């Protein structure tokens, strides 16, 4: 029987343990710019997928995804032992690391929204100087001209 609440709690704990270990305990320079974003655990609590992002040294430099993945692969055993010691579960989950695509998708959505705002601004500028194609009130009737007696 799968306990989803327990799996979510364990995933959150694994995420915190791995992030702390990467930041303070593992001295691999390839892991300096890694941020753990999320973790998912299977229902049987045997496998955990840790999602991460990689930042560049500056805003202009491209992150080194291959070095970060190699660093995580090299530190997988140490991280698994830290997870086992920190969680206290009977079987320590096997860790796998996946690059998180959410920041890229969010950046793409922001660019699309900026383009949509620019197009809306252009339409608003054109509409500000626009006039009606016909009469201002296309629904006026001939009966309005007659005197109602």
N, C-alpha and C. Protein backbone atom coordinates (compact mmCIF):
# COMPACT_ATOMS: atom_id res chain seq x y z
N UNK A 1 0.84 -1.18 0.00
CA UNK A 1 0.00 0.00 0.00
C UNK A 1 0.89 1.24 0.00
N UNK A 2 0.59 2.16 -0.88
CA UNK A 2 1.41 3.35 -1.07
C UNK A 2 0.88 4.47 -0.18
N UNK A 3 1.77 5.05 0.61
CA UNK A 3 1.42 6.19 1.45
C UNK A 3 2.02 7.44 0.80
N UNK A 4 1.20 8.17 0.05
CA UNK A 4 1.69 9.33 -0.70
C UNK A 4 2.17 10.44 0.23
N UNK A 5 1.52 10.60 1.37
CA UNK A 5 1.94 11.65 2.30
C UNK A 5 3.34 11.35 2.83
N UNK A 6 3.61 10.09 3.14
CA UNK A 6 4.93 9.71 3.62
C UNK A 6 5.98 9.91 2.53
N UNK A 7 5.63 9.57 1.31
CA UNK A 7 6.56 9.75 0.19
C UNK A 7 6.88 11.23 -0.02
N UNK A 8 5.88 12.10 0.11
CA UNK A 8 6.11 13.54 -0.03
C UNK A 8 7.00 14.07 1.09
N UNK A 9 6.75 13.63 2.31
CA UNK A 9 7.58 14.06 3.44
C UNK A 9 9.03 13.60 3.26
N UNK A 10 9.20 12.35 2.84
CA UNK A 10 10.54 11.83 2.62
C UNK A 10 11.23 12.58 1.48
N UNK A 11 10.51 12.90 0.43
CA UNK A 11 11.09 13.65 -0.69
C UNK A 11 11.55 15.03 -0.23
N UNK A 12 10.75 15.68 0.58
CA UNK A 12 11.12 16.99 1.09
C UNK A 12 12.37 16.90 1.97
N UNK A 13 12.43 15.87 2.79
CA UNK A 13 13.60 15.67 3.67
C UNK A 13 14.85 15.35 2.84
N UNK A 14 14.71 14.52 1.83
CA UNK A 14 15.84 14.19 0.96
C UNK A 14 16.34 15.44 0.25
N UNK A 15 15.44 16.27 -0.23
CA UNK A 15 15.81 17.51 -0.90
C UNK A 15 16.63 18.39 0.03
N UNK A 16 16.20 18.53 1.27
CA UNK A 16 16.92 19.37 2.23
C UNK A 16 18.29 18.77 2.57
N UNK A 17 18.37 17.47 2.76
CA UNK A 17 19.64 16.82 3.10
C UNK A 17 20.64 16.97 1.96
N UNK A 18 20.20 16.70 0.74
CA UNK A 18 21.09 16.79 -0.42
C UNK A 18 21.56 18.23 -0.63
N UNK A 19 20.66 19.20 -0.50
CA UNK A 19 21.04 20.60 -0.69
C UNK A 19 22.06 21.03 0.36
N UNK A 20 21.85 20.64 1.60
CA UNK A 20 22.78 21.00 2.67
C UNK A 20 24.13 20.34 2.46
N UNK A 21 24.13 19.07 2.07
CA UNK A 21 25.38 18.36 1.85
C UNK A 21 26.17 18.96 0.69
N UNK A 22 25.47 19.34 -0.38
CA UNK A 22 26.15 19.94 -1.53
C UNK A 22 26.75 21.28 -1.15
N UNK A 23 26.02 22.05 -0.36
CA UNK A 23 26.48 23.40 -0.03
C UNK A 23 27.61 23.41 1.00
N UNK A 24 27.51 22.57 2.03
CA UNK A 24 28.44 22.69 3.15
C UNK A 24 29.45 21.55 3.29
N UNK A 25 29.13 20.36 2.83
CA UNK A 25 29.96 19.22 3.17
C UNK A 25 30.80 18.69 2.02
N UNK A 26 30.31 18.72 0.81
CA UNK A 26 31.04 18.19 -0.33
C UNK A 26 31.84 19.32 -0.95
N UNK A 27 33.13 19.10 -1.11
CA UNK A 27 34.03 20.17 -1.54
C UNK A 27 34.39 20.08 -3.02
N UNK A 28 33.52 19.56 -3.83
CA UNK A 28 33.77 19.45 -5.27
C UNK A 28 33.45 20.79 -5.93
N UNK A 29 34.41 21.41 -6.62
CA UNK A 29 34.14 22.72 -7.23
C UNK A 29 33.09 22.67 -8.35
N UNK A 30 32.83 21.49 -8.89
CA UNK A 30 31.81 21.39 -9.94
C UNK A 30 30.40 21.58 -9.38
N UNK A 31 30.25 21.45 -8.06
CA UNK A 31 28.93 21.54 -7.43
C UNK A 31 28.66 22.91 -6.82
N UNK A 32 29.53 23.88 -7.08
CA UNK A 32 29.38 25.20 -6.46
C UNK A 32 28.09 25.91 -6.84
N UNK A 33 27.67 25.80 -8.07
CA UNK A 33 26.53 26.60 -8.55
C UNK A 33 25.27 25.77 -8.76
N UNK A 34 25.17 24.66 -8.03
CA UNK A 34 23.99 23.79 -8.13
C UNK A 34 22.99 24.17 -7.05
N UNK A 35 21.73 24.24 -7.45
CA UNK A 35 20.63 24.47 -6.53
C UNK A 35 19.65 23.32 -6.65
N UNK A 36 19.35 22.68 -5.53
CA UNK A 36 18.36 21.60 -5.52
C UNK A 36 16.98 22.24 -5.49
N UNK A 37 16.14 21.90 -6.47
CA UNK A 37 14.83 22.53 -6.57
C UNK A 37 13.70 21.65 -6.05
N UNK A 38 13.82 20.33 -6.21
CA UNK A 38 12.72 19.45 -5.80
C UNK A 38 13.25 18.02 -5.72
N UNK A 39 12.45 17.16 -5.15
CA UNK A 39 12.75 15.73 -5.11
C UNK A 39 11.44 14.97 -5.19
N UNK A 40 11.48 13.84 -5.83
CA UNK A 40 10.31 12.95 -5.93
C UNK A 40 10.75 11.56 -5.50
N UNK A 41 9.89 10.88 -4.76
CA UNK A 41 10.19 9.54 -4.29
C UNK A 41 9.09 8.61 -4.80
N UNK A 42 9.49 7.42 -5.24
CA UNK A 42 8.50 6.44 -5.70
C UNK A 42 7.66 5.98 -4.51
N UNK A 43 6.53 5.38 -4.81
CA UNK A 43 5.60 4.95 -3.77
C UNK A 43 6.19 3.92 -2.82
N UNK A 44 7.11 3.09 -3.31
CA UNK A 44 7.72 2.09 -2.43
C UNK A 44 8.93 2.63 -1.68
N UNK A 45 9.24 3.90 -1.85
CA UNK A 45 10.32 4.61 -1.16
C UNK A 45 11.70 4.04 -1.49
N UNK A 46 11.85 3.38 -2.63
CA UNK A 46 13.13 2.77 -2.99
C UNK A 46 13.97 3.65 -3.91
N UNK A 47 13.35 4.56 -4.65
CA UNK A 47 14.08 5.40 -5.59
C UNK A 47 13.66 6.85 -5.41
N UNK A 48 14.64 7.73 -5.47
CA UNK A 48 14.38 9.17 -5.35
C UNK A 48 15.03 9.88 -6.52
N UNK A 49 14.29 10.78 -7.12
CA UNK A 49 14.81 11.63 -8.18
C UNK A 49 14.95 13.03 -7.61
N UNK A 50 16.16 13.57 -7.68
CA UNK A 50 16.45 14.90 -7.18
C UNK A 50 16.60 15.83 -8.38
N UNK A 51 15.81 16.89 -8.41
CA UNK A 51 15.85 17.86 -9.50
C UNK A 51 16.74 19.03 -9.08
N UNK A 52 17.56 19.51 -10.02
CA UNK A 52 18.49 20.58 -9.71
C UNK A 52 18.60 21.55 -10.89
N UNK A 53 19.07 22.75 -10.57
CA UNK A 53 19.39 23.73 -11.59
C UNK A 53 20.85 24.12 -11.42
N UNK A 54 21.42 24.67 -12.46
CA UNK A 54 22.81 25.10 -12.44
C UNK A 54 22.86 26.56 -12.87
N UNK A 55 23.53 27.37 -12.09
CA UNK A 55 23.71 28.78 -12.42
C UNK A 55 25.14 28.99 -12.92
N UNK A 56 25.33 30.01 -13.71
CA UNK A 56 26.67 30.36 -14.17
C UNK A 56 27.39 31.18 -13.11
N UNK A 57 28.69 31.35 -13.27
CA UNK A 57 29.45 32.13 -12.30
C UNK A 57 28.99 33.59 -12.29
N UNK A 58 28.63 34.10 -13.45
CA UNK A 58 28.05 35.44 -13.55
C UNK A 58 26.77 35.32 -14.38
N UNK A 59 26.07 36.41 -14.52
CA UNK A 59 24.83 36.38 -15.29
C UNK A 59 25.09 36.17 -16.78
N UNK A 60 26.27 36.58 -17.24
CA UNK A 60 26.58 36.48 -18.66
C UNK A 60 27.12 35.12 -19.06
N UNK A 61 27.69 34.37 -18.12
CA UNK A 61 28.31 33.09 -18.48
C UNK A 61 27.28 31.97 -18.49
N UNK A 62 27.48 31.06 -19.41
CA UNK A 62 26.60 29.90 -19.55
C UNK A 62 26.97 28.87 -18.49
N UNK A 63 26.00 28.27 -17.81
CA UNK A 63 26.31 27.25 -16.81
C UNK A 63 26.94 26.01 -17.45
N UNK A 64 27.79 25.34 -16.70
CA UNK A 64 28.45 24.13 -17.18
C UNK A 64 27.62 22.92 -16.70
N UNK A 65 26.65 22.54 -17.52
CA UNK A 65 25.74 21.45 -17.15
C UNK A 65 26.45 20.10 -17.08
N UNK A 66 27.37 19.84 -17.98
CA UNK A 66 28.03 18.53 -18.01
C UNK A 66 28.93 18.35 -16.79
N UNK A 67 29.65 19.40 -16.38
CA UNK A 67 30.49 19.29 -15.20
C UNK A 67 29.65 19.11 -13.94
N UNK A 68 28.51 19.79 -13.88
CA UNK A 68 27.64 19.65 -12.72
C UNK A 68 27.07 18.24 -12.64
N UNK A 69 26.65 17.69 -13.78
CA UNK A 69 26.12 16.33 -13.80
C UNK A 69 27.21 15.32 -13.41
N UNK A 70 28.43 15.54 -13.89
CA UNK A 70 29.54 14.65 -13.53
C UNK A 70 29.86 14.75 -12.04
N UNK A 71 29.81 15.95 -11.49
CA UNK A 71 30.06 16.14 -10.06
C UNK A 71 29.01 15.46 -9.21
N UNK A 72 27.75 15.55 -9.62
CA UNK A 72 26.68 14.88 -8.87
C UNK A 72 26.81 13.36 -8.97
N UNK A 73 27.18 12.88 -10.14
CA UNK A 73 27.36 11.44 -10.32
C UNK A 73 28.50 10.93 -9.43
N UNK A 74 29.58 11.72 -9.33
CA UNK A 74 30.71 11.32 -8.48
C UNK A 74 30.35 11.36 -7.00
N UNK A 75 29.46 12.28 -6.61
CA UNK A 75 29.10 12.43 -5.20
C UNK A 75 27.87 11.62 -4.82
N UNK A 76 27.35 10.83 -5.74
CA UNK A 76 26.09 10.10 -5.50
C UNK A 76 26.18 9.18 -4.28
N UNK A 77 27.27 8.47 -4.11
CA UNK A 77 27.41 7.55 -2.99
C UNK A 77 27.45 8.27 -1.65
N UNK A 78 28.21 9.37 -1.60
CA UNK A 78 28.29 10.15 -0.36
C UNK A 78 26.92 10.75 -0.03
N UNK A 79 26.27 11.26 -1.04
CA UNK A 79 24.94 11.85 -0.82
C UNK A 79 23.94 10.80 -0.36
N UNK A 80 24.01 9.60 -0.92
CA UNK A 80 23.09 8.54 -0.51
C UNK A 80 23.34 8.16 0.95
N UNK A 81 24.60 8.09 1.36
CA UNK A 81 24.88 7.76 2.76
C UNK A 81 24.40 8.86 3.69
N UNK A 82 24.51 10.13 3.27
CA UNK A 82 23.99 11.25 4.07
C UNK A 82 22.47 11.16 4.18
N UNK A 83 21.81 10.80 3.06
CA UNK A 83 20.36 10.65 3.08
C UNK A 83 19.96 9.51 4.02
N UNK A 84 20.68 8.40 3.96
CA UNK A 84 20.38 7.26 4.84
C UNK A 84 20.53 7.62 6.31
N UNK A 85 21.58 8.38 6.64
CA UNK A 85 21.80 8.77 8.03
C UNK A 85 20.77 9.82 8.48
N UNK A 86 20.35 10.65 7.55
CA UNK A 86 19.45 11.74 7.93
C UNK A 86 17.98 11.40 7.94
N UNK A 87 17.59 10.33 7.26
CA UNK A 87 16.16 10.00 7.19
C UNK A 87 15.75 8.89 8.15
N UNK A 88 16.63 7.92 8.34
CA UNK A 88 16.31 6.83 9.25
C UNK A 88 15.32 5.82 8.69
N UNK A 89 15.17 5.74 7.38
CA UNK A 89 14.28 4.75 6.79
C UNK A 89 15.02 3.41 6.69
N UNK A 90 14.27 2.35 6.58
CA UNK A 90 14.87 1.01 6.55
C UNK A 90 15.76 0.82 5.33
N UNK A 91 15.28 1.22 4.15
CA UNK A 91 16.05 1.13 2.92
C UNK A 91 16.31 2.54 2.41
N UNK A 92 17.59 2.88 2.27
CA UNK A 92 17.94 4.19 1.74
C UNK A 92 17.63 4.22 0.25
N UNK A 93 16.89 5.21 -0.21
CA UNK A 93 16.53 5.27 -1.63
C UNK A 93 17.75 5.45 -2.53
N UNK A 94 17.68 4.87 -3.71
CA UNK A 94 18.69 5.08 -4.74
C UNK A 94 18.44 6.46 -5.33
N UNK A 95 19.49 7.28 -5.41
CA UNK A 95 19.34 8.65 -5.89
C UNK A 95 19.66 8.74 -7.38
N UNK A 96 18.84 9.49 -8.08
CA UNK A 96 19.13 9.86 -9.46
C UNK A 96 18.91 11.36 -9.57
N UNK A 97 19.71 12.00 -10.40
CA UNK A 97 19.67 13.45 -10.52
C UNK A 97 19.20 13.84 -11.91
N UNK A 98 18.27 14.79 -11.96
CA UNK A 98 17.70 15.25 -13.22
C UNK A 98 17.75 16.77 -13.26
N UNK A 99 18.24 17.29 -14.37
CA UNK A 99 18.28 18.74 -14.56
C UNK A 99 16.85 19.27 -14.66
N UNK A 100 16.54 20.27 -13.87
CA UNK A 100 15.20 20.83 -13.81
C UNK A 100 15.00 21.80 -14.97
N UNK A 101 13.96 21.60 -15.75
CA UNK A 101 13.67 22.43 -16.92
C UNK A 101 12.72 23.58 -16.60
N UNK A 102 12.24 23.67 -15.37
CA UNK A 102 11.26 24.69 -15.01
C UNK A 102 11.80 26.11 -15.19
N UNK A 103 13.05 26.43 -14.77
CA UNK A 103 13.52 27.80 -14.99
C UNK A 103 13.58 28.19 -16.46
N UNK A 104 13.95 27.25 -17.33
CA UNK A 104 13.98 27.56 -18.76
C UNK A 104 12.57 27.81 -19.29
N UNK A 105 11.63 27.00 -18.85
CA UNK A 105 10.24 27.19 -19.28
C UNK A 105 9.69 28.51 -18.75
N UNK A 106 10.05 28.87 -17.52
CA UNK A 106 9.58 30.14 -16.95
C UNK A 106 10.18 31.32 -17.71
N UNK A 107 11.45 31.22 -18.08
CA UNK A 107 12.08 32.28 -18.85
C UNK A 107 11.40 32.43 -20.21
N UNK A 108 11.09 31.31 -20.84
CA UNK A 108 10.42 31.35 -22.13
C UNK A 108 9.03 31.97 -22.00
N UNK A 109 8.31 31.64 -20.94
CA UNK A 109 6.98 32.23 -20.72
C UNK A 109 7.08 33.73 -20.50
N UNK A 110 8.11 34.17 -19.75
CA UNK A 110 8.30 35.61 -19.53
C UNK A 110 8.56 36.34 -20.84
N UNK A 111 9.35 35.72 -21.73
CA UNK A 111 9.61 36.33 -23.02
C UNK A 111 8.34 36.42 -23.86
N UNK A 112 7.52 35.36 -23.83
CA UNK A 112 6.25 35.39 -24.56
C UNK A 112 5.31 36.46 -24.01
N UNK A 113 5.27 36.58 -22.68
CA UNK A 113 4.41 37.62 -22.08
C UNK A 113 4.91 39.01 -22.43
N UNK A 114 6.22 39.21 -22.48
CA UNK A 114 6.77 40.52 -22.86
C UNK A 114 6.40 40.85 -24.30
N UNK A 115 6.47 39.86 -25.20
CA UNK A 115 6.07 40.10 -26.59
C UNK A 115 4.59 40.43 -26.67
N UNK A 116 3.75 39.73 -25.90
CA UNK A 116 2.31 39.99 -25.92
C UNK A 116 2.02 41.39 -25.40
N UNK A 117 2.74 41.83 -24.33
CA UNK A 117 2.54 43.18 -23.83
C UNK A 117 2.94 44.23 -24.86
N UNK A 118 4.02 43.99 -25.58
CA UNK A 118 4.46 44.93 -26.60
C UNK A 118 3.43 45.04 -27.72
N UNK A 119 2.87 43.93 -28.13
CA UNK A 119 1.82 43.93 -29.16
C UNK A 119 0.58 44.63 -28.65
N UNK A 120 0.21 44.40 -27.39
CA UNK A 120 -0.95 45.09 -26.81
C UNK A 120 -0.72 46.60 -26.76
N UNK A 121 0.49 47.03 -26.45
CA UNK A 121 0.79 48.46 -26.43
C UNK A 121 0.65 49.07 -27.82
N UNK A 122 1.12 48.35 -28.85
CA UNK A 122 0.97 48.84 -30.22
C UNK A 122 -0.49 48.96 -30.61
N UNK A 123 -1.29 47.97 -30.24
CA UNK A 123 -2.73 48.00 -30.54
C UNK A 123 -3.39 49.16 -29.81
N UNK A 124 -2.99 49.42 -28.56
CA UNK A 124 -3.57 50.53 -27.80
C UNK A 124 -3.21 51.87 -28.43
N UNK A 125 -2.00 52.01 -28.96
CA UNK A 125 -1.61 53.25 -29.63
C UNK A 125 -2.44 53.48 -30.88
N UNK A 126 -2.65 52.43 -31.66
CA UNK A 126 -3.47 52.55 -32.88
C UNK A 126 -4.91 52.85 -32.51
N UNK A 127 -5.42 52.24 -31.46
CA UNK A 127 -6.82 52.43 -31.06
C UNK A 127 -7.05 53.83 -30.48
N UNK A 128 -6.01 54.46 -29.93
CA UNK A 128 -6.18 55.78 -29.34
C UNK A 128 -6.53 56.83 -30.39
N UNK A 129 -6.00 56.69 -31.59
CA UNK A 129 -6.26 57.66 -32.66
C UNK A 129 -7.33 57.19 -33.64
N UNK A 130 -7.97 56.12 -33.36
CA UNK A 130 -8.95 55.54 -34.29
C UNK A 130 -10.29 56.25 -34.18
N UNK A 131 -11.00 56.25 -35.30
CA UNK A 131 -12.37 56.78 -35.32
C UNK A 131 -13.28 55.68 -35.85
N UNK A 132 -14.56 55.87 -35.65
CA UNK A 132 -15.52 54.89 -36.12
C UNK A 132 -15.57 54.90 -37.65
N UNK A 133 -15.82 53.75 -38.22
CA UNK A 133 -15.87 53.64 -39.68
C UNK A 133 -17.15 54.28 -40.23
N UNK A 134 -18.21 54.21 -39.48
CA UNK A 134 -19.48 54.78 -39.93
C UNK A 134 -19.92 55.85 -38.97
N UNK A 135 -21.24 55.91 -38.73
CA UNK A 135 -21.77 56.86 -37.76
C UNK A 135 -21.34 56.46 -36.36
N UNK A 136 -21.31 57.45 -35.48
CA UNK A 136 -20.92 57.17 -34.10
C UNK A 136 -21.95 56.26 -33.43
N UNK A 137 -23.23 56.42 -33.81
CA UNK A 137 -24.29 55.57 -33.25
C UNK A 137 -24.95 54.83 -34.41
N UNK A 138 -24.53 53.62 -34.71
CA UNK A 138 -25.09 52.91 -35.86
C UNK A 138 -26.52 52.42 -35.62
N UNK A 139 -27.03 52.55 -34.41
CA UNK A 139 -28.35 52.01 -34.08
C UNK A 139 -29.43 53.09 -34.03
N UNK A 140 -29.12 54.30 -34.45
CA UNK A 140 -30.17 55.32 -34.39
C UNK A 140 -31.22 55.02 -35.45
N UNK A 141 -32.40 55.38 -35.12
CA UNK A 141 -33.50 55.04 -36.01
C UNK A 141 -34.12 56.31 -36.59
N UNK A 142 -34.86 56.13 -37.65
CA UNK A 142 -35.52 57.27 -38.28
C UNK A 142 -36.63 57.81 -37.39
N UNK A 143 -37.15 57.00 -36.51
CA UNK A 143 -38.23 57.43 -35.65
C UNK A 143 -37.78 58.45 -34.62
N UNK A 144 -36.49 58.54 -34.36
CA UNK A 144 -35.98 59.51 -33.38
C UNK A 144 -36.17 60.94 -33.89
N UNK A 145 -36.20 61.11 -35.24
CA UNK A 145 -36.34 62.43 -35.82
C UNK A 145 -37.79 62.94 -35.75
N UNK A 146 -38.74 62.04 -35.70
CA UNK A 146 -40.15 62.42 -35.67
C UNK A 146 -40.53 62.91 -34.29
N UNK A 147 -41.54 63.79 -34.24
CA UNK A 147 -42.03 64.34 -32.98
C UNK A 147 -43.07 63.41 -32.40
N UNK A 148 -42.85 62.87 -31.24
CA UNK A 148 -43.84 61.93 -30.66
C UNK A 148 -45.02 62.68 -30.08
N UNK A 149 -46.15 62.52 -30.63
CA UNK A 149 -47.33 63.17 -30.13
C UNK A 149 -48.31 62.23 -29.57
